[in-house]
Amino acid sequence: MRENDLSSRPDAAPWLTPSRYWPDLTAATSERDAPVVALHLDALRHNAHQLLDRAAGTPIRVATKSIRVRSVIEAVLAVPGFGGVLAYTLAESLWLADTVDDILVGYPTADRSGIERLGRSPELAARVTLMVDSLAQLDFIDSVLPAGSRAPIRVCLELDAAWDVPVFGHVGVRRSPVHTPEEARALAVAIVARPGFLLVGLMGYEAQVAGIRDRPSGQPVRGAVNRFIRRRSIAELAERRGAAVAAVRQVAELEFVNGGGTGSLESTRADASVTELAAGSGLFGGHLFDGYSGFRPAPAAAFALSVVRKATPDTAVLQGGGWIGSGPPNRDRLPLPTWPQGLRFLPLEMAGEVQTPVAGRGAEALSVGDRVWLRHAKSGELSEHVNEFVLVHDGRVVDVLPTYRGEGKAFL
């Protein structure tokens, strides 16, 4: 994929006409055996520029766990407005550091060999920043390579961005134990006083805002609750994160303050304490984002499976299909049968590891060898199931893009 492939906005939006969009993908990929993952170039362009519009000038760090295709990551980074990556493991970060010079590892690490490699290379240590939220993680790093025998390790302090309230409890994800500005400052003081470490950043990821849909289809009560949570949590976090950033800046000159995700770009960039955002899933446009009222990515990535038998006249059986998104094992983590229209999973089978029956009016016309398109729920699951994506433009395959898996990498 060329670095300038995403620089311009698309002239048209073919995905808004499903009766043309999906058959065109079928025709473009017809000579390739399923399963096949197609990435539509114009839809990807649209999504990249939609993220930039929503960020309104705040830089976006690319969340690689939602992509896992190196050429796509590098093409996105070439677009002005995107800068640096938010990686998901240290091993992945060290691999990407060959070509990417600003990498934040989004989660703490206990990778001994990776820490040793990082500490023994001043070049890598200058490019990669580790995430920490306790002194125990610094102790672990020191146990692998003492401060006097390694390059200084850049670290980012993670602030717990969840919303703690009496009625709902802990609303968000279980990440950092550092919740208050006072706790953030105390940890920052300890890090700054510790030889061999450089405190360069702070991150607070509000999963309860970025990761919950405010208009989930067919669930009006849940939608109302989610809107209430989002609204109250945004206000609470803006005050608390701002105070935490101010407290940490009293003891360290932070290079960046990171926050947000695809689902919260507008509210996060409105927080004056945040200097950069993070996003990844919005580039491929999984169907979970259909439940957000403020934006709608194009279905840039999708996968096709072959019909291999007809169990009944109105049931077609696909080979494979259990490409499940992470998180609570609910229906919204399943892939979504998208084309032909009128397909549904069977309640007692759903999406299977090696076969997936689909029924309904859309299944009646399907025959063995026909192709069914499904949309993924999130994004990372796509790249873990195939060795390559095919890039489609103007009705034909214009490039083949190896996934991490296709390059022999399985980081997590």
Protein backbone atom coordinates (compact mmCIF):
# COMPACT_ATOMS: atom_id res chain seq x y z
CA MET A 1 0.00 0.00 0.00
CA ARG A 2 1.45 3.35 -1.03
CA GLU A 3 1.92 6.05 1.59
CA ASN A 4 -0.15 8.55 -0.42
CA ASP A 5 -3.13 6.21 -0.88
CA LEU A 6 -5.09 7.88 1.92
CA SER A 7 -4.09 11.50 1.42
CA SER A 8 -7.21 12.52 -0.50
CA ARG A 9 -10.91 12.21 0.30
CA PRO A 10 -13.00 9.93 -1.93
CA ASP A 11 -15.13 11.52 -4.62
CA ALA A 12 -18.09 9.21 -3.99
CA ALA A 13 -19.60 7.02 -1.25
CA PRO A 14 -20.48 3.71 -2.94
CA TRP A 15 -21.10 1.99 0.41
CA LEU A 16 -24.29 4.04 0.73
CA THR A 17 -25.74 1.90 -2.08
CA PRO A 18 -25.49 -1.66 -0.73
CA SER A 19 -27.02 -3.20 -3.84
CA ARG A 20 -23.93 -2.08 -5.77
CA TYR A 21 -21.24 -1.99 -3.09
CA TRP A 22 -21.35 -5.63 -1.99
CA PRO A 23 -21.83 -7.20 -5.44
CA ASP A 24 -18.89 -5.09 -6.66
CA LEU A 25 -16.74 -6.51 -3.86
CA THR A 26 -17.88 -9.99 -4.84
CA ALA A 27 -16.92 -9.41 -8.46
CA ALA A 28 -13.56 -7.88 -7.54
CA THR A 29 -12.61 -10.85 -5.35
CA SER A 30 -14.25 -13.61 -7.37
CA GLU A 31 -10.98 -15.23 -8.39
CA ARG A 32 -9.86 -15.59 -4.77
CA ASP A 33 -10.96 -18.43 -2.56
CA ALA A 34 -12.82 -17.65 0.63
CA PRO A 35 -12.34 -16.69 3.35
CA VAL A 36 -11.30 -13.37 1.92
CA VAL A 37 -11.05 -10.00 3.69
CA ALA A 38 -11.59 -7.02 1.43
CA LEU A 39 -10.52 -3.49 2.30
CA HIS A 40 -12.22 -0.86 0.15
CA LEU A 41 -9.78 1.99 -0.51
CA ASP A 42 -12.31 4.80 -0.86
CA ALA A 43 -14.15 3.68 2.28
CA LEU A 44 -10.85 3.59 4.18
CA ARG A 45 -10.06 7.10 2.90
CA HIS A 46 -13.45 8.29 4.06
CA ASN A 47 -12.97 6.82 7.52
CA ALA A 48 -9.50 8.29 7.95
CA HIS A 49 -10.69 11.78 7.05
CA GLN A 50 -13.84 11.42 9.15
CA LEU A 51 -11.63 10.72 12.18
CA LEU A 52 -9.58 13.82 11.40
CA ASP A 53 -12.71 15.94 11.05
CA ARG A 54 -13.98 14.72 14.41
CA ALA A 55 -10.59 15.36 16.05
CA ALA A 56 -10.73 18.97 14.80
CA GLY A 57 -6.98 19.52 14.78
CA THR A 58 -5.97 17.38 17.77
CA PRO A 59 -3.40 14.79 16.61
CA ILE A 60 -4.52 11.15 16.48
CA ARG A 61 -2.27 8.31 17.59
CA VAL A 62 -3.07 5.14 15.61
CA ALA A 63 -4.27 2.23 17.78
CA THR A 64 -2.63 -0.77 16.13
CA LYS A 65 -4.57 -3.53 17.92
CA SER A 66 -7.57 -2.62 15.77
CA ILE A 67 -5.61 -2.83 12.50
CA ARG A 68 -2.72 -5.35 12.63
CA VAL A 69 -1.80 -4.66 9.02
CA ARG A 70 1.54 -2.91 8.89
CA SER A 71 1.14 -1.30 5.48
CA VAL A 72 -2.21 0.22 6.52
CA ILE A 73 -0.68 1.60 9.72
CA GLU A 74 2.15 3.22 7.76
CA ALA A 75 -0.23 4.64 5.14
CA VAL A 76 -2.41 6.20 7.85
CA LEU A 77 0.64 7.69 9.57
CA ALA A 78 1.56 9.41 6.30
CA VAL A 79 -1.68 11.44 6.43
CA PRO A 80 -1.23 14.82 8.18
CA GLY A 81 -3.10 14.79 11.48
CA PHE A 82 -2.10 11.27 12.45
CA GLY A 83 1.10 10.80 14.44
CA GLY A 84 2.63 7.94 16.37
CA VAL A 85 1.09 4.61 17.26
CA LEU A 86 -0.57 3.15 20.32
CA ALA A 87 0.68 -0.44 20.30
CA TYR A 88 -0.66 -3.33 22.35
CA THR A 89 2.49 -5.29 23.27
CA LEU A 90 6.16 -4.53 23.69
CA ALA A 91 7.12 -7.21 21.16
CA GLU A 92 4.88 -5.56 18.56
CA SER A 93 6.39 -2.18 19.41
CA LEU A 94 9.95 -3.37 18.90
CA TRP A 95 8.96 -4.85 15.53
CA LEU A 96 7.22 -1.65 14.40
CA ALA A 97 10.15 0.48 15.59
CA ASP A 98 12.04 -0.40 12.42
CA THR A 99 9.92 2.19 10.60
CA VAL A 100 7.91 4.02 13.29
CA ASP A 101 9.72 6.44 15.59
CA ASP A 102 6.97 7.25 18.13
CA ILE A 103 5.40 4.23 19.81
CA LEU A 104 3.40 4.17 23.03
CA VAL A 105 2.73 0.70 24.44
CA GLY A 106 -0.86 0.92 25.61
CA TYR A 107 -0.58 -1.64 28.39
CA PRO A 108 2.02 -2.52 31.04
CA THR A 109 4.45 -5.29 30.11
CA ALA A 110 6.13 -8.25 31.77
CA ASP A 111 8.07 -9.20 28.62
CA ARG A 112 11.57 -9.88 29.97
CA SER A 113 13.27 -10.40 26.62
CA GLY A 114 11.57 -7.31 25.21
CA ILE A 115 12.61 -5.16 28.16
CA GLU A 116 16.19 -6.36 27.82
CA ARG A 117 16.24 -5.62 24.11
CA LEU A 118 14.71 -2.18 24.72
CA GLY A 119 17.13 -1.29 27.49
CA ARG A 120 20.21 -2.37 25.56
CA SER A 121 19.35 -0.22 22.54
CA PRO A 122 19.42 3.58 22.91
CA GLU A 123 17.71 3.83 19.51
CA LEU A 124 14.77 1.64 20.55
CA ALA A 125 14.57 3.27 23.98
CA ALA A 126 14.19 6.64 22.28
CA ARG A 127 11.31 5.40 20.10
CA VAL A 128 9.26 3.28 22.52
CA THR A 129 7.41 4.45 25.65
CA LEU A 130 6.17 1.92 28.21
CA MET A 131 2.93 2.21 30.19
CA VAL A 132 3.11 2.10 33.99
CA ASP A 133 0.67 2.55 36.85
CA SER A 134 2.64 1.26 39.86
CA LEU A 135 6.11 1.05 41.34
CA ALA A 136 5.92 -2.75 41.02
CA GLN A 137 6.23 -2.39 37.25
CA LEU A 138 9.35 -0.26 37.66
CA ASP A 139 10.74 -2.89 40.05
CA PHE A 140 10.12 -5.54 37.40
CA ILE A 141 11.98 -3.56 34.74
CA ASP A 142 14.89 -3.00 37.13
CA SER A 143 14.99 -6.73 37.90
CA VAL A 144 15.56 -7.42 34.20
CA LEU A 145 18.12 -4.65 33.64
CA PRO A 146 19.26 -2.40 36.49
CA ALA A 147 19.22 1.31 35.82
CA GLY A 148 22.99 1.62 35.53
CA SER A 149 23.24 -0.99 32.80
CA ARG A 150 20.59 0.22 30.34
CA ALA A 151 19.38 3.22 28.41
CA PRO A 152 16.80 5.35 30.24
CA ILE A 153 13.30 3.88 29.80
CA ARG A 154 10.58 6.30 28.71
CA VAL A 155 7.33 5.73 30.63
CA CYS A 156 3.76 6.99 30.50
CA LEU A 157 1.65 7.14 33.64
CA GLU A 158 -1.84 5.71 33.19
CA LEU A 159 -4.71 7.39 35.01
CA ASP A 160 -7.83 5.33 35.68
CA ALA A 161 -10.50 7.08 33.62
CA ALA A 162 -13.44 4.97 34.82
CA TRP A 163 -16.40 6.58 36.56
CA ASP A 164 -16.99 5.42 40.13
CA VAL A 165 -20.55 6.11 41.34
CA PRO A 166 -22.67 4.57 44.12
CA VAL A 167 -25.54 3.45 41.88
CA PHE A 168 -23.58 1.92 38.99
CA GLY A 169 -20.32 1.06 40.78
CA HIS A 170 -17.15 0.99 38.67
CA VAL A 171 -18.27 2.12 35.20
CA GLY A 172 -15.51 1.48 32.72
CA VAL A 173 -12.69 -1.04 32.47
CA ARG A 174 -10.27 -2.33 35.11
CA ARG A 175 -7.02 -0.68 34.17
CA SER A 176 -4.90 1.57 36.36
CA PRO A 177 -5.18 1.73 40.19
CA VAL A 178 -4.29 5.44 39.94
CA HIS A 179 -7.63 7.25 40.15
CA THR A 180 -7.20 10.61 41.86
CA PRO A 181 -4.99 13.60 41.04
CA GLU A 182 -3.22 13.06 44.36
CA GLU A 183 -2.41 9.45 43.48
CA ALA A 184 -1.18 10.50 40.05
CA ARG A 185 1.13 13.13 41.52
CA ALA A 186 2.50 10.72 44.13
CA LEU A 187 3.37 8.14 41.50
CA ALA A 188 4.87 10.82 39.25
CA VAL A 189 7.12 11.99 42.10
CA ALA A 190 8.29 8.42 42.65
CA ILE A 191 8.99 7.86 38.96
CA VAL A 192 10.94 11.10 38.60
CA ALA A 193 13.05 10.21 41.62
CA ARG A 194 13.81 6.75 40.24
CA PRO A 195 17.09 6.38 38.30
CA GLY A 196 16.80 4.98 34.80
CA PHE A 197 13.28 6.22 33.99
CA LEU A 198 11.91 9.24 32.14
CA LEU A 199 8.28 10.24 32.76
CA VAL A 200 7.16 11.66 29.40
CA GLY A 201 3.41 11.12 29.18
CA LEU A 202 0.06 10.52 30.83
CA MET A 203 -2.85 8.52 29.44
CA GLY A 204 -6.46 8.24 30.54
CA TYR A 205 -8.69 6.07 28.32
CA GLU A 206 -12.41 6.53 28.95
CA ALA A 207 -13.76 3.16 27.76
CA GLN A 208 -17.16 3.90 29.27
CA VAL A 209 -17.48 6.78 26.79
CA ALA A 210 -15.55 5.57 23.75
CA GLY A 211 -16.75 1.98 23.94
CA ILE A 212 -20.49 2.15 24.63
CA ARG A 213 -23.13 2.92 22.01
CA ASP A 214 -25.59 5.70 22.71
CA ARG A 215 -28.14 4.42 20.14
CA PRO A 216 -27.96 0.60 20.17
CA SER A 217 -30.46 -0.82 17.69
CA GLY A 218 -33.67 -2.11 19.26
CA GLN A 219 -32.56 -1.24 22.82
CA PRO A 220 -34.06 2.16 23.72
CA VAL A 221 -33.74 1.71 27.49
CA ARG A 222 -30.12 0.65 27.26
CA GLY A 223 -29.48 3.57 24.94
CA ALA A 224 -30.96 6.03 27.43
CA VAL A 225 -28.81 4.59 30.24
CA ASN A 226 -25.71 4.73 28.06
CA ARG A 227 -26.35 8.35 27.13
CA PHE A 228 -26.71 9.24 30.80
CA ILE A 229 -23.45 7.43 31.66
CA ARG A 230 -21.58 9.07 28.80
CA ARG A 231 -22.81 12.56 29.65
CA ARG A 232 -22.07 12.37 33.37
CA SER A 233 -18.77 10.55 32.92
CA ILE A 234 -17.48 13.07 30.37
CA ALA A 235 -18.09 15.92 32.81
CA GLU A 236 -16.55 14.08 35.76
CA LEU A 237 -13.48 12.98 33.86
CA ALA A 238 -12.77 16.37 32.30
CA GLU A 239 -12.45 17.85 35.78
CA ARG A 240 -10.50 14.95 37.31
CA ARG A 241 -8.17 14.35 34.36
CA GLY A 242 -7.45 18.05 34.09
CA ALA A 243 -6.53 18.19 37.77
CA ALA A 244 -4.37 15.06 37.46
CA VAL A 245 -2.50 16.44 34.45
CA ALA A 246 -1.88 19.72 36.25
CA ALA A 247 -0.61 17.85 39.31
CA VAL A 248 1.75 15.65 37.30
CA ARG A 249 3.05 18.61 35.30
CA GLN A 250 4.23 20.11 38.57
CA VAL A 251 6.86 17.36 38.79
CA ALA A 252 7.51 16.36 35.15
CA GLU A 253 7.56 18.03 31.75
CA LEU A 254 5.08 15.84 29.89
CA GLU A 255 5.49 15.48 26.14
CA PHE A 256 1.91 14.28 25.65
CA VAL A 257 -1.42 13.55 27.34
CA ASN A 258 -3.35 10.84 25.51
CA GLY A 259 -7.03 10.02 25.75
CA GLY A 260 -10.09 8.77 23.98
CA GLY A 261 -10.92 6.31 21.24
CA THR A 262 -12.94 6.18 18.05
CA GLY A 263 -16.20 6.50 19.99
CA SER A 264 -15.23 9.59 21.99
CA LEU A 265 -13.10 11.84 19.79
CA GLU A 266 -15.35 14.89 20.11
CA SER A 267 -15.65 14.84 23.90
CA THR A 268 -12.01 13.93 24.50
CA ARG A 269 -10.55 16.64 22.28
CA ALA A 270 -12.80 19.13 24.12
CA ASP A 271 -10.78 18.39 27.27
CA ALA A 272 -8.10 21.09 27.29
CA SER A 273 -5.70 18.88 29.25
CA VAL A 274 -5.51 16.30 26.41
CA THR A 275 -2.86 16.90 23.74
CA GLU A 276 -3.52 13.87 21.52
CA LEU A 277 -6.22 11.29 20.81
CA ALA A 278 -6.14 7.62 19.90
CA ALA A 279 -8.23 5.75 17.34
CA GLY A 280 -8.02 2.60 15.26
CA SER A 281 -11.33 0.74 14.94
CA GLY A 282 -12.95 3.63 13.13
CA LEU A 283 -10.63 3.09 10.18
CA PHE A 284 -12.11 -0.32 9.29
CA GLY A 285 -15.65 0.48 10.48
CA GLY A 286 -16.91 -2.52 12.44
CA HIS A 287 -20.65 -2.83 12.93
CA LEU A 288 -20.48 -1.87 16.63
CA PHE A 289 -20.23 1.72 15.43
CA ASP A 290 -23.67 1.47 13.85
CA GLY A 291 -24.99 2.19 17.35
CA TYR A 292 -23.42 5.64 17.72
CA SER A 293 -25.54 8.66 16.87
CA GLY A 294 -22.76 11.19 16.26
CA PHE A 295 -20.88 9.44 13.47
CA ARG A 296 -21.01 6.42 11.16
CA PRO A 297 -17.85 4.97 9.59
CA ALA A 298 -18.07 3.30 6.22
CA PRO A 299 -17.85 -0.52 6.23
CA ALA A 300 -14.33 -0.35 4.80
CA ALA A 301 -13.34 -3.89 5.82
CA ALA A 302 -15.48 -6.99 5.56
CA PHE A 303 -15.00 -10.71 5.06
CA ALA A 304 -16.62 -13.15 2.67
CA LEU A 305 -17.31 -16.83 3.28
CA SER A 306 -18.44 -19.51 0.84
CA VAL A 307 -21.68 -21.43 0.96
CA VAL A 308 -20.69 -25.10 1.15
CA ARG A 309 -24.09 -26.79 1.59
CA LYS A 310 -27.82 -26.25 1.83
CA ALA A 311 -29.20 -27.81 4.99
CA THR A 312 -32.76 -26.79 4.06
CA PRO A 313 -34.15 -24.72 1.18
CA ASP A 314 -34.03 -21.57 3.33
CA THR A 315 -30.76 -22.37 5.16
CA ALA A 316 -27.29 -21.98 3.70
CA VAL A 317 -24.22 -23.24 5.55
CA LEU A 318 -21.03 -21.17 5.37
CA GLN A 319 -17.55 -22.54 5.90
CA GLY A 320 -16.12 -20.83 9.01
CA GLY A 321 -17.56 -17.70 10.55
CA GLY A 322 -16.72 -17.65 14.25
CA TRP A 323 -14.74 -14.42 14.07
CA ILE A 324 -15.84 -13.03 17.41
CA GLY A 325 -14.98 -9.59 18.77
CA SER A 326 -13.47 -9.27 22.24
CA GLY A 327 -15.49 -8.15 25.24
CA PRO A 328 -18.67 -9.49 26.88
CA PRO A 329 -19.85 -12.53 24.89
CA ASN A 330 -23.05 -10.93 23.66
CA ARG A 331 -24.70 -10.95 20.25
CA ASP A 332 -23.13 -7.61 19.40
CA ARG A 333 -19.69 -9.32 19.37
CA LEU A 334 -20.76 -11.66 16.57
CA PRO A 335 -20.07 -10.87 12.93
CA LEU A 336 -23.04 -9.37 11.13
CA PRO A 337 -24.33 -11.12 7.97
CA THR A 338 -24.62 -8.19 5.57
CA TRP A 339 -24.99 -9.38 1.98
CA PRO A 340 -27.22 -10.80 0.64
CA GLN A 341 -29.71 -9.01 2.82
CA GLY A 342 -32.20 -10.96 4.89
CA LEU A 343 -29.78 -13.39 6.55
CA ARG A 344 -29.75 -14.35 10.22
CA PHE A 345 -27.88 -16.78 12.44
CA LEU A 346 -29.62 -19.78 14.00
CA PRO A 347 -30.08 -19.21 17.77
CA LEU A 348 -28.64 -22.60 18.78
CA GLU A 349 -25.59 -22.40 16.50
CA MET A 350 -24.72 -18.76 15.81
CA ALA A 351 -21.26 -18.20 14.24
CA GLY A 352 -19.37 -21.48 14.32
CA GLU A 353 -15.69 -22.28 14.33
CA VAL A 354 -15.84 -24.30 11.10
CA GLN A 355 -19.39 -23.81 9.84
CA THR A 356 -22.08 -21.17 10.21
CA PRO A 357 -25.67 -21.74 9.10
CA VAL A 358 -27.59 -18.67 7.98
CA ALA A 359 -31.32 -18.66 7.37
CA GLY A 360 -34.00 -16.29 6.14
CA ARG A 361 -35.24 -14.97 2.84
CA GLY A 362 -31.72 -14.07 1.76
CA ALA A 363 -30.63 -17.69 2.08
CA GLU A 364 -33.24 -19.12 -0.26
CA ALA A 365 -31.45 -17.98 -3.42
CA LEU A 366 -27.98 -19.03 -2.25
CA SER A 367 -26.28 -22.03 -3.82
CA VAL A 368 -23.09 -23.95 -3.09
CA GLY A 369 -20.15 -21.76 -4.05
CA ASP A 370 -21.95 -18.46 -3.57
CA ARG A 371 -20.35 -15.80 -1.40
CA VAL A 372 -21.78 -14.18 1.75
CA TRP A 373 -20.33 -10.95 3.17
CA LEU A 374 -20.12 -10.37 6.90
CA ARG A 375 -18.99 -7.35 8.87
CA HIS A 376 -16.76 -7.74 11.89
CA ALA A 377 -17.84 -6.37 15.28
CA LYS A 378 -14.61 -4.65 16.30
CA SER A 379 -11.47 -4.85 14.16
CA GLY A 380 -8.59 -6.86 15.54
CA GLU A 381 -10.32 -10.18 14.99
CA LEU A 382 -10.15 -9.81 11.21
CA SER A 383 -6.36 -9.78 11.00
CA GLU A 384 -5.99 -12.75 13.34
CA HIS A 385 -7.95 -15.01 10.96
CA VAL A 386 -6.29 -14.34 7.59
CA ASN A 387 -2.81 -13.85 6.21
CA GLU A 388 -3.76 -10.98 3.92
CA PHE A 389 -6.30 -8.33 3.05
CA VAL A 390 -7.06 -7.50 -0.56
CA LEU A 391 -7.26 -3.78 -1.32
CA VAL A 392 -10.13 -3.00 -3.70
CA HIS A 393 -10.38 0.16 -5.79
CA ASP A 394 -12.45 0.93 -8.89
CA GLY A 395 -13.90 -2.56 -8.90
CA ARG A 396 -10.64 -4.50 -8.86
CA VAL A 397 -7.97 -5.73 -6.49
CA VAL A 398 -5.10 -3.24 -6.61
CA ASP A 399 -2.91 -4.62 -3.83
CA VAL A 400 -2.51 -7.49 -1.40
CA LEU A 401 -1.68 -6.44 2.16
CA PRO A 402 -0.16 -8.97 4.58
CA THR A 403 -1.56 -8.94 8.10
CA TYR A 404 0.64 -9.37 11.15
CA ARG A 405 -0.25 -13.06 10.92
CA GLY A 406 0.73 -13.08 7.26
CA GLU A 407 4.12 -11.71 8.24
CA GLY A 408 4.53 -14.52 10.77
CA LYS A 409 3.66 -12.41 13.80
CA ALA A 410 1.18 -13.34 16.51
CA PHE A 411 1.80 -10.90 19.35
CA LEU A 412 -1.29 -11.58 21.44
